[in-house]
Amino acid sequence: MKKVISIFILSTLVFFSFSQTERGRFLVGGSLTGIYDEHYADPDAQWQNKNWNLAVYPKIGYFIFNNFVVGLGFTGAWGELKQIRPDPLPATTLRSHLEGIGVFGRYYYRFDKNAFIGELYYSYDQNRDEFETWDANNPYEIARIKFNGQNNTYYGGFGYTRFMGDNLGLEIMAHFRYRYDHAVVGHNNFADDSRSFGVTLMVGFQIYLSVKKFTLKAPKAT
């Protein structure tokens, strides 16, 4: 009988199996929020506002205790506010782009396949905005003004998760937001430092992963 010789390198690999909120598990996922609004700011003059905004919040975390996870969060946001004025005045447009990175901690209060969530989140953001408006010397010419900013944003949130099997959770969360905006000197800024408050309603999903180890072994020769 012919002997078949197989050569294998014995190594330890990472294998992802699905789990939920126990110590040693990983969380990977994110949330999404968006808005579109259209209204007349001045009905008599037909001054119309159109506003849309989209933001994503990816997360990756590690459960250091049962039901308690800490990790990194990321923010990407895009938006546009357009003011449409009666002819012959041109429209003005504010386009905004924001990227951020931060840290978060969240706690799950579990019951069966459901959980309430409490979360604290800090994010350091940078925004790059462009404002298109008419020229002060010629109202029929468009002027483009660019400005940058640095923001410290603090979130406190409460939410609910429904676990779909052992690996996936669908969640909805309300974040109470405090933001301090710092205008960057030397970037054609026309805005001063400012503070703002708000509430953000987010919908998303999280995947709950467990890291296990297994070893490849060479089969017995025949």
N, C-alpha and C. Protein backbone atom coordinates (compact mmCIF):
# COMPACT_ATOMS: atom_id res chain seq x y z
N MET A 1 0.86 -1.19 0.00
CA MET A 1 0.00 0.00 0.00
C MET A 1 0.88 1.23 0.00
N LYS A 2 0.54 2.09 -0.95
CA LYS A 2 1.36 3.29 -1.10
C LYS A 2 1.17 4.22 0.08
N LYS A 3 2.28 4.64 0.57
CA LYS A 3 2.24 5.53 1.72
C LYS A 3 2.17 6.98 1.24
N VAL A 4 1.15 7.67 1.70
CA VAL A 4 0.98 9.08 1.32
C VAL A 4 1.52 9.93 2.46
N ILE A 5 2.49 10.75 2.10
CA ILE A 5 3.10 11.60 3.11
C ILE A 5 2.54 13.02 2.98
N SER A 6 1.91 13.52 4.03
CA SER A 6 1.37 14.88 4.03
C SER A 6 2.11 15.69 5.08
N ILE A 7 2.54 16.87 4.69
CA ILE A 7 3.27 17.73 5.61
C ILE A 7 2.36 18.89 6.03
N PHE A 8 2.16 19.03 7.31
CA PHE A 8 1.33 20.12 7.86
C PHE A 8 2.17 20.92 8.85
N ILE A 9 1.95 22.18 8.87
CA ILE A 9 2.56 23.05 9.87
C ILE A 9 1.58 23.18 11.03
N LEU A 10 2.01 22.74 12.22
CA LEU A 10 1.15 22.83 13.39
C LEU A 10 1.11 24.29 13.86
N SER A 11 -0.05 24.83 13.90
CA SER A 11 -0.21 26.23 14.31
C SER A 11 -1.55 26.41 14.99
N THR A 12 -1.64 27.50 15.67
CA THR A 12 -2.88 27.86 16.34
C THR A 12 -3.54 28.99 15.56
N LEU A 13 -4.79 28.82 15.20
CA LEU A 13 -5.52 29.81 14.43
C LEU A 13 -6.65 30.38 15.25
N VAL A 14 -7.18 31.50 14.80
CA VAL A 14 -8.31 32.13 15.46
C VAL A 14 -9.58 31.73 14.75
N PHE A 15 -10.51 31.21 15.50
CA PHE A 15 -11.80 30.79 14.94
C PHE A 15 -12.91 31.56 15.64
N PHE A 16 -13.76 32.19 14.84
CA PHE A 16 -14.82 33.00 15.41
C PHE A 16 -16.10 32.18 15.53
N SER A 17 -16.55 32.03 16.75
CA SER A 17 -17.85 31.44 16.98
C SER A 17 -18.75 32.50 17.59
N PHE A 18 -20.03 32.38 17.40
CA PHE A 18 -20.93 33.45 17.77
C PHE A 18 -21.41 33.29 19.21
N SER A 19 -21.50 34.42 19.92
CA SER A 19 -21.98 34.41 21.28
C SER A 19 -22.63 35.75 21.56
N GLN A 20 -22.82 36.04 22.86
CA GLN A 20 -23.50 37.29 23.18
C GLN A 20 -22.70 38.15 24.15
N THR A 21 -23.13 38.30 25.37
CA THR A 21 -22.57 39.34 26.23
C THR A 21 -21.76 38.82 27.41
N GLU A 22 -21.12 37.66 27.27
CA GLU A 22 -20.29 37.14 28.36
C GLU A 22 -18.88 37.72 28.29
N ARG A 23 -18.21 37.66 29.41
CA ARG A 23 -16.83 38.13 29.49
C ARG A 23 -15.96 37.39 28.47
N GLY A 24 -15.08 38.15 27.79
CA GLY A 24 -14.19 37.56 26.79
C GLY A 24 -14.72 37.61 25.38
N ARG A 25 -15.95 38.07 25.19
CA ARG A 25 -16.54 38.16 23.85
C ARG A 25 -16.19 39.51 23.22
N PHE A 26 -16.36 39.56 21.90
CA PHE A 26 -16.15 40.79 21.15
C PHE A 26 -17.47 41.30 20.59
N LEU A 27 -17.54 42.60 20.43
CA LEU A 27 -18.69 43.25 19.82
C LEU A 27 -18.22 43.99 18.58
N VAL A 28 -18.88 43.77 17.45
CA VAL A 28 -18.57 44.46 16.20
C VAL A 28 -19.89 44.86 15.55
N GLY A 29 -20.01 46.10 15.17
CA GLY A 29 -21.26 46.52 14.53
C GLY A 29 -21.32 48.02 14.38
N GLY A 30 -22.53 48.56 14.41
CA GLY A 30 -22.67 49.99 14.27
C GLY A 30 -24.12 50.41 14.17
N SER A 31 -24.32 51.73 14.15
CA SER A 31 -25.65 52.32 14.09
C SER A 31 -25.69 53.36 12.98
N LEU A 32 -26.91 53.71 12.60
CA LEU A 32 -27.15 54.64 11.50
C LEU A 32 -28.25 55.61 11.91
N THR A 33 -28.09 56.87 11.55
CA THR A 33 -29.14 57.84 11.75
C THR A 33 -29.18 58.78 10.55
N GLY A 34 -30.34 59.27 10.23
CA GLY A 34 -30.49 60.16 9.08
C GLY A 34 -31.73 61.03 9.22
N ILE A 35 -31.74 62.14 8.49
CA ILE A 35 -32.87 63.05 8.52
C ILE A 35 -32.99 63.77 7.18
N TYR A 36 -34.22 64.00 6.78
CA TYR A 36 -34.49 64.87 5.62
C TYR A 36 -35.64 65.79 6.00
N ASP A 37 -35.44 67.08 5.77
CA ASP A 37 -36.45 68.07 6.13
C ASP A 37 -36.57 69.10 5.01
N GLU A 38 -37.80 69.47 4.71
CA GLU A 38 -38.07 70.46 3.67
C GLU A 38 -39.23 71.33 4.13
N HIS A 39 -38.99 72.65 4.22
CA HIS A 39 -40.06 73.54 4.67
C HIS A 39 -39.78 74.95 4.18
N TYR A 40 -40.78 75.80 4.30
CA TYR A 40 -40.66 77.20 3.92
C TYR A 40 -40.41 78.02 5.18
N ALA A 41 -39.23 78.67 5.20
CA ALA A 41 -38.89 79.50 6.35
C ALA A 41 -39.67 80.81 6.34
N ASP A 42 -39.99 81.31 5.17
CA ASP A 42 -40.74 82.56 5.03
C ASP A 42 -41.77 82.36 3.93
N PRO A 43 -43.00 81.96 4.26
CA PRO A 43 -43.98 81.64 3.20
C PRO A 43 -44.26 82.80 2.25
N ASP A 44 -44.24 84.03 2.76
CA ASP A 44 -44.54 85.18 1.89
C ASP A 44 -43.46 85.38 0.83
N ALA A 45 -42.21 85.16 1.21
CA ALA A 45 -41.10 85.35 0.26
C ALA A 45 -40.73 84.06 -0.46
N GLN A 46 -41.40 82.94 -0.10
CA GLN A 46 -41.08 81.65 -0.71
C GLN A 46 -39.62 81.28 -0.50
N TRP A 47 -39.14 81.52 0.70
CA TRP A 47 -37.77 81.16 1.08
C TRP A 47 -37.82 79.74 1.62
N GLN A 48 -37.31 78.79 0.84
CA GLN A 48 -37.45 77.38 1.15
C GLN A 48 -36.15 76.79 1.67
N ASN A 49 -36.23 76.01 2.74
CA ASN A 49 -35.07 75.29 3.28
C ASN A 49 -35.18 73.80 2.96
N LYS A 50 -34.09 73.21 2.49
CA LYS A 50 -33.99 71.77 2.30
C LYS A 50 -32.76 71.29 3.06
N ASN A 51 -32.94 70.30 3.93
CA ASN A 51 -31.86 69.85 4.79
C ASN A 51 -31.86 68.33 4.86
N TRP A 52 -30.67 67.73 4.65
CA TRP A 52 -30.53 66.29 4.86
C TRP A 52 -29.22 66.04 5.60
N ASN A 53 -29.21 64.96 6.38
CA ASN A 53 -28.03 64.58 7.14
C ASN A 53 -28.00 63.08 7.33
N LEU A 54 -26.83 62.49 7.16
CA LEU A 54 -26.65 61.05 7.32
C LEU A 54 -25.40 60.82 8.17
N ALA A 55 -25.50 59.94 9.17
CA ALA A 55 -24.36 59.65 10.02
C ALA A 55 -24.29 58.16 10.33
N VAL A 56 -23.07 57.63 10.40
CA VAL A 56 -22.84 56.23 10.76
C VAL A 56 -21.90 56.19 11.96
N TYR A 57 -22.11 55.19 12.83
CA TYR A 57 -21.34 55.06 14.08
C TYR A 57 -20.85 53.62 14.23
N PRO A 58 -19.79 53.21 13.54
CA PRO A 58 -19.23 51.86 13.73
C PRO A 58 -18.60 51.72 15.11
N LYS A 59 -18.63 50.49 15.64
CA LYS A 59 -18.05 50.21 16.95
C LYS A 59 -17.33 48.87 16.93
N ILE A 60 -16.30 48.77 17.77
CA ILE A 60 -15.66 47.49 18.06
C ILE A 60 -15.30 47.50 19.54
N GLY A 61 -15.67 46.42 20.25
CA GLY A 61 -15.45 46.42 21.69
C GLY A 61 -15.15 45.04 22.23
N TYR A 62 -14.84 44.99 23.53
CA TYR A 62 -14.48 43.75 24.21
C TYR A 62 -15.18 43.73 25.56
N PHE A 63 -15.79 42.59 25.89
CA PHE A 63 -16.48 42.44 27.17
C PHE A 63 -15.47 42.11 28.26
N ILE A 64 -15.18 43.10 29.11
CA ILE A 64 -14.23 42.87 30.20
C ILE A 64 -14.92 42.21 31.40
N PHE A 65 -16.22 42.36 31.49
CA PHE A 65 -17.05 41.66 32.48
C PHE A 65 -18.30 41.17 31.77
N ASN A 66 -19.02 40.27 32.40
CA ASN A 66 -20.31 39.87 31.85
C ASN A 66 -21.22 41.10 31.70
N ASN A 67 -21.74 41.28 30.50
CA ASN A 67 -22.69 42.34 30.18
C ASN A 67 -22.09 43.74 30.14
N PHE A 68 -20.77 43.88 30.28
CA PHE A 68 -20.14 45.20 30.23
C PHE A 68 -19.02 45.19 29.21
N VAL A 69 -19.12 46.08 28.22
CA VAL A 69 -18.16 46.13 27.11
C VAL A 69 -17.58 47.53 26.99
N VAL A 70 -16.29 47.59 26.66
CA VAL A 70 -15.61 48.85 26.37
C VAL A 70 -14.95 48.72 25.00
N GLY A 71 -14.73 49.86 24.33
CA GLY A 71 -14.11 49.77 23.02
C GLY A 71 -13.97 51.11 22.33
N LEU A 72 -13.73 51.02 21.03
CA LEU A 72 -13.53 52.18 20.17
C LEU A 72 -14.78 52.41 19.33
N GLY A 73 -15.10 53.68 19.14
CA GLY A 73 -16.19 54.06 18.26
C GLY A 73 -15.71 55.04 17.20
N PHE A 74 -16.36 55.04 16.07
CA PHE A 74 -16.00 55.91 14.96
C PHE A 74 -17.26 56.64 14.47
N THR A 75 -17.05 57.82 13.93
CA THR A 75 -18.17 58.62 13.44
C THR A 75 -17.87 59.12 12.03
N GLY A 76 -18.84 59.00 11.15
CA GLY A 76 -18.78 59.61 9.83
C GLY A 76 -20.12 60.26 9.55
N ALA A 77 -20.12 61.55 9.21
CA ALA A 77 -21.38 62.27 9.00
C ALA A 77 -21.25 63.19 7.78
N TRP A 78 -22.35 63.27 7.06
CA TRP A 78 -22.42 64.11 5.86
C TRP A 78 -23.78 64.81 5.85
N GLY A 79 -23.78 66.06 5.42
CA GLY A 79 -25.04 66.78 5.42
C GLY A 79 -25.01 67.96 4.46
N GLU A 80 -26.20 68.48 4.18
CA GLU A 80 -26.34 69.64 3.31
C GLU A 80 -27.58 70.43 3.72
N LEU A 81 -27.42 71.73 3.83
CA LEU A 81 -28.52 72.66 4.08
C LEU A 81 -28.58 73.65 2.93
N LYS A 82 -29.68 73.65 2.21
CA LYS A 82 -29.85 74.54 1.07
C LYS A 82 -31.01 75.49 1.33
N GLN A 83 -30.76 76.78 1.12
CA GLN A 83 -31.79 77.80 1.23
C GLN A 83 -32.10 78.32 -0.18
N ILE A 84 -33.31 78.07 -0.63
CA ILE A 84 -33.73 78.45 -1.98
C ILE A 84 -34.54 79.74 -1.87
N ARG A 85 -34.03 80.78 -2.51
CA ARG A 85 -34.65 82.10 -2.43
C ARG A 85 -35.38 82.43 -3.74
N PRO A 86 -36.29 83.39 -3.70
CA PRO A 86 -37.01 83.74 -4.93
C PRO A 86 -36.08 84.30 -6.00
N ASP A 87 -36.40 84.05 -7.25
CA ASP A 87 -35.62 84.60 -8.36
C ASP A 87 -35.61 86.13 -8.27
N PRO A 88 -34.48 86.75 -8.66
CA PRO A 88 -33.30 86.14 -9.29
C PRO A 88 -32.19 85.81 -8.31
N LEU A 89 -32.44 85.81 -7.01
CA LEU A 89 -31.39 85.53 -6.04
C LEU A 89 -30.99 84.06 -6.11
N PRO A 90 -29.68 83.78 -6.05
CA PRO A 90 -29.24 82.37 -6.07
C PRO A 90 -29.47 81.69 -4.73
N ALA A 91 -29.49 80.37 -4.75
CA ALA A 91 -29.60 79.60 -3.52
C ALA A 91 -28.28 79.61 -2.76
N THR A 92 -28.34 79.47 -1.45
CA THR A 92 -27.14 79.30 -0.63
C THR A 92 -27.11 77.86 -0.11
N THR A 93 -25.90 77.31 0.00
CA THR A 93 -25.77 75.91 0.39
C THR A 93 -24.63 75.75 1.39
N LEU A 94 -24.89 75.02 2.46
CA LEU A 94 -23.87 74.65 3.43
C LEU A 94 -23.70 73.14 3.37
N ARG A 95 -22.51 72.68 2.98
CA ARG A 95 -22.19 71.25 2.95
C ARG A 95 -21.22 70.94 4.08
N SER A 96 -21.49 69.87 4.82
CA SER A 96 -20.66 69.54 5.97
C SER A 96 -20.20 68.09 5.89
N HIS A 97 -18.96 67.87 6.36
CA HIS A 97 -18.35 66.53 6.44
C HIS A 97 -17.68 66.43 7.81
N LEU A 98 -17.88 65.32 8.48
CA LEU A 98 -17.32 65.14 9.81
C LEU A 98 -16.82 63.72 9.98
N GLU A 99 -15.61 63.59 10.56
CA GLU A 99 -15.06 62.29 10.91
C GLU A 99 -14.62 62.35 12.37
N GLY A 100 -14.80 61.24 13.09
CA GLY A 100 -14.43 61.24 14.50
C GLY A 100 -14.02 59.86 14.99
N ILE A 101 -13.30 59.85 16.12
CA ILE A 101 -12.91 58.61 16.78
C ILE A 101 -13.05 58.83 18.28
N GLY A 102 -13.49 57.78 18.98
CA GLY A 102 -13.69 57.94 20.41
C GLY A 102 -13.69 56.62 21.15
N VAL A 103 -14.08 56.68 22.41
CA VAL A 103 -14.15 55.50 23.28
C VAL A 103 -15.55 55.42 23.87
N PHE A 104 -15.98 54.19 24.17
CA PHE A 104 -17.30 54.01 24.73
C PHE A 104 -17.29 52.89 25.76
N GLY A 105 -18.29 52.90 26.60
CA GLY A 105 -18.58 51.81 27.51
C GLY A 105 -20.09 51.61 27.56
N ARG A 106 -20.52 50.37 27.56
CA ARG A 106 -21.97 50.12 27.62
C ARG A 106 -22.25 48.90 28.50
N TYR A 107 -23.42 48.96 29.13
CA TYR A 107 -23.85 47.88 30.02
C TYR A 107 -25.19 47.34 29.53
N TYR A 108 -25.32 46.00 29.55
CA TYR A 108 -26.54 45.31 29.13
C TYR A 108 -27.28 44.79 30.36
N TYR A 109 -28.55 45.12 30.47
CA TYR A 109 -29.42 44.51 31.46
C TYR A 109 -30.23 43.45 30.74
N ARG A 110 -29.84 42.19 30.93
CA ARG A 110 -30.36 41.09 30.12
C ARG A 110 -31.61 40.47 30.70
N PHE A 111 -32.54 40.07 29.84
CA PHE A 111 -33.63 39.18 30.20
C PHE A 111 -34.01 38.40 28.95
N ASP A 112 -33.70 37.10 28.99
CA ASP A 112 -33.96 36.19 27.88
C ASP A 112 -33.26 36.71 26.62
N LYS A 113 -34.01 36.91 25.54
CA LYS A 113 -33.45 37.36 24.26
C LYS A 113 -33.50 38.87 24.10
N ASN A 114 -33.69 39.57 25.19
CA ASN A 114 -33.81 41.02 25.15
C ASN A 114 -32.83 41.65 26.13
N ALA A 115 -32.53 42.92 25.92
CA ALA A 115 -31.66 43.63 26.84
C ALA A 115 -31.89 45.14 26.71
N PHE A 116 -31.88 45.80 27.86
CA PHE A 116 -31.80 47.26 27.87
C PHE A 116 -30.33 47.65 27.96
N ILE A 117 -29.98 48.78 27.33
CA ILE A 117 -28.58 49.21 27.23
C ILE A 117 -28.43 50.60 27.83
N GLY A 118 -27.36 50.78 28.58
CA GLY A 118 -26.91 52.11 28.98
C GLY A 118 -25.51 52.34 28.42
N GLU A 119 -25.27 53.49 27.83
CA GLU A 119 -23.99 53.73 27.15
C GLU A 119 -23.49 55.14 27.39
N LEU A 120 -22.17 55.26 27.61
CA LEU A 120 -21.46 56.54 27.63
C LEU A 120 -20.42 56.52 26.52
N TYR A 121 -20.27 57.67 25.84
CA TYR A 121 -19.44 57.69 24.64
C TYR A 121 -18.83 59.08 24.49
N TYR A 122 -17.52 59.12 24.29
CA TYR A 122 -16.82 60.37 23.98
C TYR A 122 -16.20 60.27 22.59
N SER A 123 -16.32 61.35 21.81
CA SER A 123 -15.76 61.35 20.45
C SER A 123 -15.02 62.66 20.18
N TYR A 124 -13.84 62.53 19.60
CA TYR A 124 -13.11 63.70 19.09
C TYR A 124 -13.34 63.76 17.59
N ASP A 125 -13.91 64.87 17.12
CA ASP A 125 -14.32 64.99 15.72
C ASP A 125 -13.61 66.14 15.04
N GLN A 126 -13.50 66.02 13.73
CA GLN A 126 -13.04 67.11 12.89
C GLN A 126 -14.04 67.29 11.75
N ASN A 127 -14.44 68.54 11.54
CA ASN A 127 -15.38 68.82 10.46
C ASN A 127 -14.74 69.69 9.38
N ARG A 128 -15.15 69.46 8.15
CA ARG A 128 -14.71 70.23 6.99
C ARG A 128 -15.97 70.69 6.26
N ASP A 129 -16.24 71.98 6.33
CA ASP A 129 -17.48 72.53 5.78
C ASP A 129 -17.19 73.51 4.65
N GLU A 130 -18.17 73.66 3.79
CA GLU A 130 -18.08 74.62 2.69
C GLU A 130 -19.42 75.34 2.56
N PHE A 131 -19.36 76.66 2.54
CA PHE A 131 -20.56 77.48 2.47
C PHE A 131 -20.57 78.22 1.14
N GLU A 132 -21.61 78.01 0.35
CA GLU A 132 -21.80 78.71 -0.92
C GLU A 132 -22.87 79.78 -0.73
N THR A 133 -22.50 81.02 -0.97
CA THR A 133 -23.44 82.12 -0.83
C THR A 133 -23.16 83.17 -1.90
N TRP A 134 -23.97 84.20 -1.95
CA TRP A 134 -23.72 85.22 -2.95
C TRP A 134 -22.61 86.15 -2.48
N ASP A 135 -21.90 86.71 -3.43
CA ASP A 135 -20.81 87.64 -3.14
C ASP A 135 -21.38 88.94 -2.59
N ALA A 136 -20.73 89.48 -1.54
CA ALA A 136 -21.22 90.72 -0.93
C ALA A 136 -21.21 91.88 -1.90
N ASN A 137 -20.26 91.86 -2.85
CA ASN A 137 -20.16 92.95 -3.82
C ASN A 137 -21.00 92.72 -5.06
N ASN A 138 -21.42 91.47 -5.26
CA ASN A 138 -22.23 91.15 -6.43
C ASN A 138 -23.19 90.02 -6.05
N PRO A 139 -24.44 90.33 -5.74
CA PRO A 139 -25.37 89.31 -5.23
C PRO A 139 -25.69 88.21 -6.23
N TYR A 140 -25.25 88.36 -7.49
CA TYR A 140 -25.53 87.34 -8.49
C TYR A 140 -24.32 86.45 -8.77
N GLU A 141 -23.25 86.64 -7.97
CA GLU A 141 -22.06 85.80 -8.05
C GLU A 141 -21.97 84.93 -6.80
N ILE A 142 -21.52 83.69 -6.98
CA ILE A 142 -21.41 82.75 -5.88
C ILE A 142 -20.02 82.84 -5.24
N ALA A 143 -19.99 82.94 -3.92
CA ALA A 143 -18.74 82.90 -3.17
C ALA A 143 -18.71 81.60 -2.36
N ARG A 144 -17.56 80.96 -2.32
CA ARG A 144 -17.39 79.71 -1.57
C ARG A 144 -16.44 79.95 -0.40
N ILE A 145 -16.91 79.70 0.78
CA ILE A 145 -16.14 79.91 2.00
C ILE A 145 -15.94 78.56 2.68
N LYS A 146 -14.69 78.19 2.94
CA LYS A 146 -14.38 76.93 3.58
C LYS A 146 -13.91 77.18 5.01
N PHE A 147 -14.32 76.31 5.92
CA PHE A 147 -13.84 76.41 7.29
C PHE A 147 -13.80 75.04 7.93
N ASN A 148 -12.85 74.89 8.86
CA ASN A 148 -12.67 73.63 9.57
C ASN A 148 -12.97 73.82 11.05
N GLY A 149 -13.21 72.73 11.73
CA GLY A 149 -13.47 72.79 13.16
C GLY A 149 -13.02 71.53 13.86
N GLN A 150 -12.82 71.64 15.16
CA GLN A 150 -12.49 70.50 16.01
C GLN A 150 -13.55 70.43 17.11
N ASN A 151 -14.11 69.24 17.32
CA ASN A 151 -15.25 69.11 18.21
C ASN A 151 -14.99 68.04 19.26
N ASN A 152 -15.39 68.31 20.48
CA ASN A 152 -15.44 67.32 21.54
C ASN A 152 -16.91 67.02 21.82
N THR A 153 -17.31 65.78 21.59
CA THR A 153 -18.71 65.41 21.71
C THR A 153 -18.87 64.34 22.78
N TYR A 154 -19.85 64.55 23.66
CA TYR A 154 -20.13 63.64 24.76
C TYR A 154 -21.56 63.11 24.60
N TYR A 155 -21.70 61.79 24.69
CA TYR A 155 -23.01 61.15 24.53
C TYR A 155 -23.35 60.37 25.79
N GLY A 156 -24.62 60.38 26.14
CA GLY A 156 -25.17 59.48 27.14
C GLY A 156 -26.43 58.87 26.56
N GLY A 157 -26.48 57.55 26.47
CA GLY A 157 -27.57 56.93 25.73
C GLY A 157 -28.24 55.79 26.46
N PHE A 158 -29.49 55.55 26.07
CA PHE A 158 -30.28 54.42 26.54
C PHE A 158 -30.91 53.74 25.34
N GLY A 159 -30.94 52.41 25.36
CA GLY A 159 -31.49 51.72 24.20
C GLY A 159 -32.01 50.34 24.54
N TYR A 160 -32.38 49.64 23.50
CA TYR A 160 -32.97 48.29 23.62
C TYR A 160 -32.39 47.42 22.51
N THR A 161 -32.04 46.18 22.86
CA THR A 161 -31.53 45.20 21.90
C THR A 161 -32.40 43.95 21.91
N ARG A 162 -32.67 43.45 20.72
CA ARG A 162 -33.33 42.15 20.56
C ARG A 162 -32.32 41.21 19.94
N PHE A 163 -31.96 40.12 20.65
CA PHE A 163 -30.99 39.17 20.14
C PHE A 163 -31.67 38.22 19.16
N MET A 164 -31.11 38.14 17.97
CA MET A 164 -31.62 37.26 16.92
C MET A 164 -30.68 36.06 16.84
N GLY A 165 -30.97 35.03 17.62
CA GLY A 165 -30.04 33.91 17.71
C GLY A 165 -28.91 34.25 18.66
N ASP A 166 -27.77 33.55 18.50
CA ASP A 166 -26.64 33.72 19.41
C ASP A 166 -25.64 34.76 18.95
N ASN A 167 -25.78 35.29 17.75
CA ASN A 167 -24.72 36.14 17.22
C ASN A 167 -25.13 37.56 16.89
N LEU A 168 -26.38 37.80 16.65
CA LEU A 168 -26.80 39.09 16.12
C LEU A 168 -27.79 39.77 17.04
N GLY A 169 -27.59 41.06 17.25
CA GLY A 169 -28.53 41.86 18.02
C GLY A 169 -28.95 43.08 17.22
N LEU A 170 -30.25 43.30 17.12
CA LEU A 170 -30.80 44.49 16.49
C LEU A 170 -31.18 45.48 17.58
N GLU A 171 -30.76 46.73 17.42
CA GLU A 171 -30.94 47.66 18.52
C GLU A 171 -31.43 49.03 18.05
N ILE A 172 -32.06 49.71 18.98
CA ILE A 172 -32.46 51.10 18.80
C ILE A 172 -32.00 51.85 20.04
N MET A 173 -31.45 53.06 19.84
CA MET A 173 -30.87 53.80 20.96
C MET A 173 -31.08 55.30 20.78
N ALA A 174 -31.34 55.97 21.90
CA ALA A 174 -31.42 57.43 21.93
C ALA A 174 -30.19 57.97 22.65
N HIS A 175 -29.46 58.86 22.00
CA HIS A 175 -28.27 59.48 22.59
C HIS A 175 -28.58 60.94 22.91
N PHE A 176 -28.28 61.33 24.13
CA PHE A 176 -28.32 62.74 24.51
C PHE A 176 -26.92 63.30 24.30
N ARG A 177 -26.81 64.37 23.49
CA ARG A 177 -25.50 64.82 23.00
C ARG A 177 -25.18 66.22 23.49
N TYR A 178 -23.93 66.39 23.94
CA TYR A 178 -23.37 67.71 24.21
C TYR A 178 -22.11 67.86 23.37
N ARG A 179 -22.04 68.95 22.61
CA ARG A 179 -20.90 69.14 21.70
C ARG A 179 -20.31 70.53 21.90
N TYR A 180 -18.97 70.54 22.00
CA TYR A 180 -18.23 71.80 22.02
C TYR A 180 -17.47 71.91 20.72
N ASP A 181 -17.80 72.92 19.92
CA ASP A 181 -17.18 73.15 18.61
C ASP A 181 -16.12 74.23 18.73
N HIS A 182 -14.92 73.90 18.28
CA HIS A 182 -13.81 74.84 18.32
C HIS A 182 -13.39 75.18 16.90
N ALA A 183 -13.55 76.43 16.51
CA ALA A 183 -13.15 76.87 15.17
C ALA A 183 -11.63 76.90 15.08
N VAL A 184 -11.09 76.35 13.99
CA VAL A 184 -9.64 76.27 13.80
C VAL A 184 -9.13 77.57 13.18
N VAL A 185 -8.18 78.21 13.84
CA VAL A 185 -7.63 79.47 13.35
C VAL A 185 -6.84 79.24 12.06
N GLY A 186 -6.98 80.15 11.10
CA GLY A 186 -6.20 80.07 9.87
C GLY A 186 -6.81 79.23 8.78
N HIS A 187 -8.10 78.90 8.88
CA HIS A 187 -8.75 78.12 7.83
C HIS A 187 -10.00 78.82 7.30
N ASN A 188 -9.91 80.16 7.15
CA ASN A 188 -11.00 80.96 6.59
C ASN A 188 -12.29 80.78 7.38
N ASN A 189 -12.15 80.69 8.69
CA ASN A 189 -13.35 80.50 9.51
C ASN A 189 -14.15 81.79 9.59
N PHE A 190 -15.47 81.64 9.58
CA PHE A 190 -16.34 82.75 9.88
C PHE A 190 -17.21 82.45 11.09
N ALA A 191 -16.97 81.30 11.76
CA ALA A 191 -17.74 80.90 12.93
C ALA A 191 -16.85 80.91 14.16
N ASP A 192 -17.41 81.29 15.29
CA ASP A 192 -16.69 81.26 16.55
C ASP A 192 -16.94 79.92 17.25
N ASP A 193 -16.23 79.72 18.38
CA ASP A 193 -16.49 78.54 19.19
C ASP A 193 -17.96 78.51 19.61
N SER A 194 -18.51 77.32 19.72
CA SER A 194 -19.92 77.21 20.09
C SER A 194 -20.17 75.93 20.85
N ARG A 195 -21.31 75.89 21.53
CA ARG A 195 -21.76 74.70 22.25
C ARG A 195 -23.17 74.36 21.80
N SER A 196 -23.45 73.07 21.75
CA SER A 196 -24.77 72.66 21.30
C SER A 196 -25.22 71.42 22.06
N PHE A 197 -26.54 71.25 22.13
CA PHE A 197 -27.15 70.10 22.76
C PHE A 197 -28.12 69.46 21.76
N GLY A 198 -28.38 68.18 21.94
CA GLY A 198 -29.33 67.54 21.04
C GLY A 198 -29.60 66.11 21.43
N VAL A 199 -30.55 65.51 20.76
CA VAL A 199 -30.91 64.11 20.94
C VAL A 199 -30.83 63.43 19.58
N THR A 200 -30.16 62.28 19.53
CA THR A 200 -30.02 61.52 18.30
C THR A 200 -30.64 60.14 18.48
N LEU A 201 -31.52 59.76 17.58
CA LEU A 201 -32.14 58.44 17.61
C LEU A 201 -31.45 57.58 16.56
N MET A 202 -30.89 56.43 16.99
CA MET A 202 -30.09 55.59 16.11
C MET A 202 -30.66 54.18 16.04
N VAL A 203 -30.55 53.59 14.87
CA VAL A 203 -30.94 52.20 14.64
C VAL A 203 -29.74 51.46 14.09
N GLY A 204 -29.48 50.24 14.57
CA GLY A 204 -28.31 49.52 14.09
C GLY A 204 -28.32 48.06 14.50
N PHE A 205 -27.17 47.43 14.35
CA PHE A 205 -27.02 46.03 14.72
C PHE A 205 -25.63 45.82 15.30
N GLN A 206 -25.49 44.79 16.11
CA GLN A 206 -24.20 44.41 16.65
C GLN A 206 -24.03 42.90 16.48
N ILE A 207 -22.80 42.48 16.20
CA ILE A 207 -22.45 41.06 16.11
C ILE A 207 -21.59 40.71 17.32
N TYR A 208 -21.93 39.62 17.98
CA TYR A 208 -21.26 39.20 19.21
C TYR A 208 -20.42 37.97 18.90
N LEU A 209 -19.09 38.12 19.05
CA LEU A 209 -18.15 37.09 18.63
C LEU A 209 -17.36 36.55 19.81
N SER A 210 -17.02 35.28 19.73
CA SER A 210 -16.16 34.63 20.71
C SER A 210 -14.94 34.09 19.99
N VAL A 211 -13.78 34.25 20.59
CA VAL A 211 -12.54 33.75 20.00
C VAL A 211 -12.18 32.43 20.64
N LYS A 212 -12.11 31.39 19.83
CA LYS A 212 -11.69 30.08 20.29
C LYS A 212 -10.47 29.63 19.51
N LYS A 213 -9.76 28.69 20.05
CA LYS A 213 -8.54 28.20 19.42
C LYS A 213 -8.68 26.75 19.04
N PHE A 214 -8.12 26.44 17.92
CA PHE A 214 -8.03 25.04 17.57
C PHE A 214 -6.72 24.80 16.83
N THR A 215 -6.25 23.57 16.83
CA THR A 215 -4.95 23.24 16.26
C THR A 215 -5.13 22.26 15.10
N LEU A 216 -4.46 22.55 13.99
CA LEU A 216 -4.46 21.63 12.87
C LEU A 216 -3.51 20.47 13.16
N LYS A 217 -3.97 19.27 12.93
CA LYS A 217 -3.12 18.10 13.16
C LYS A 217 -2.95 17.34 11.86
N ALA A 218 -1.77 16.73 11.69
CA ALA A 218 -1.51 15.94 10.51
C ALA A 218 -2.24 14.60 10.60
N PRO A 219 -2.84 14.17 9.50
CA PRO A 219 -3.54 12.86 9.53
C PRO A 219 -2.53 11.72 9.64
N LYS A 220 -2.99 10.59 10.17
CA LYS A 220 -2.12 9.43 10.29
C LYS A 220 -1.80 8.87 8.92
N ALA A 221 -0.57 8.44 8.74
CA ALA A 221 -0.15 7.86 7.47
C ALA A 221 -0.73 6.46 7.34
N THR A 222 -1.12 6.11 6.12
CA THR A 222 -1.65 4.76 5.85
C THR A 222 -0.75 4.03 4.89
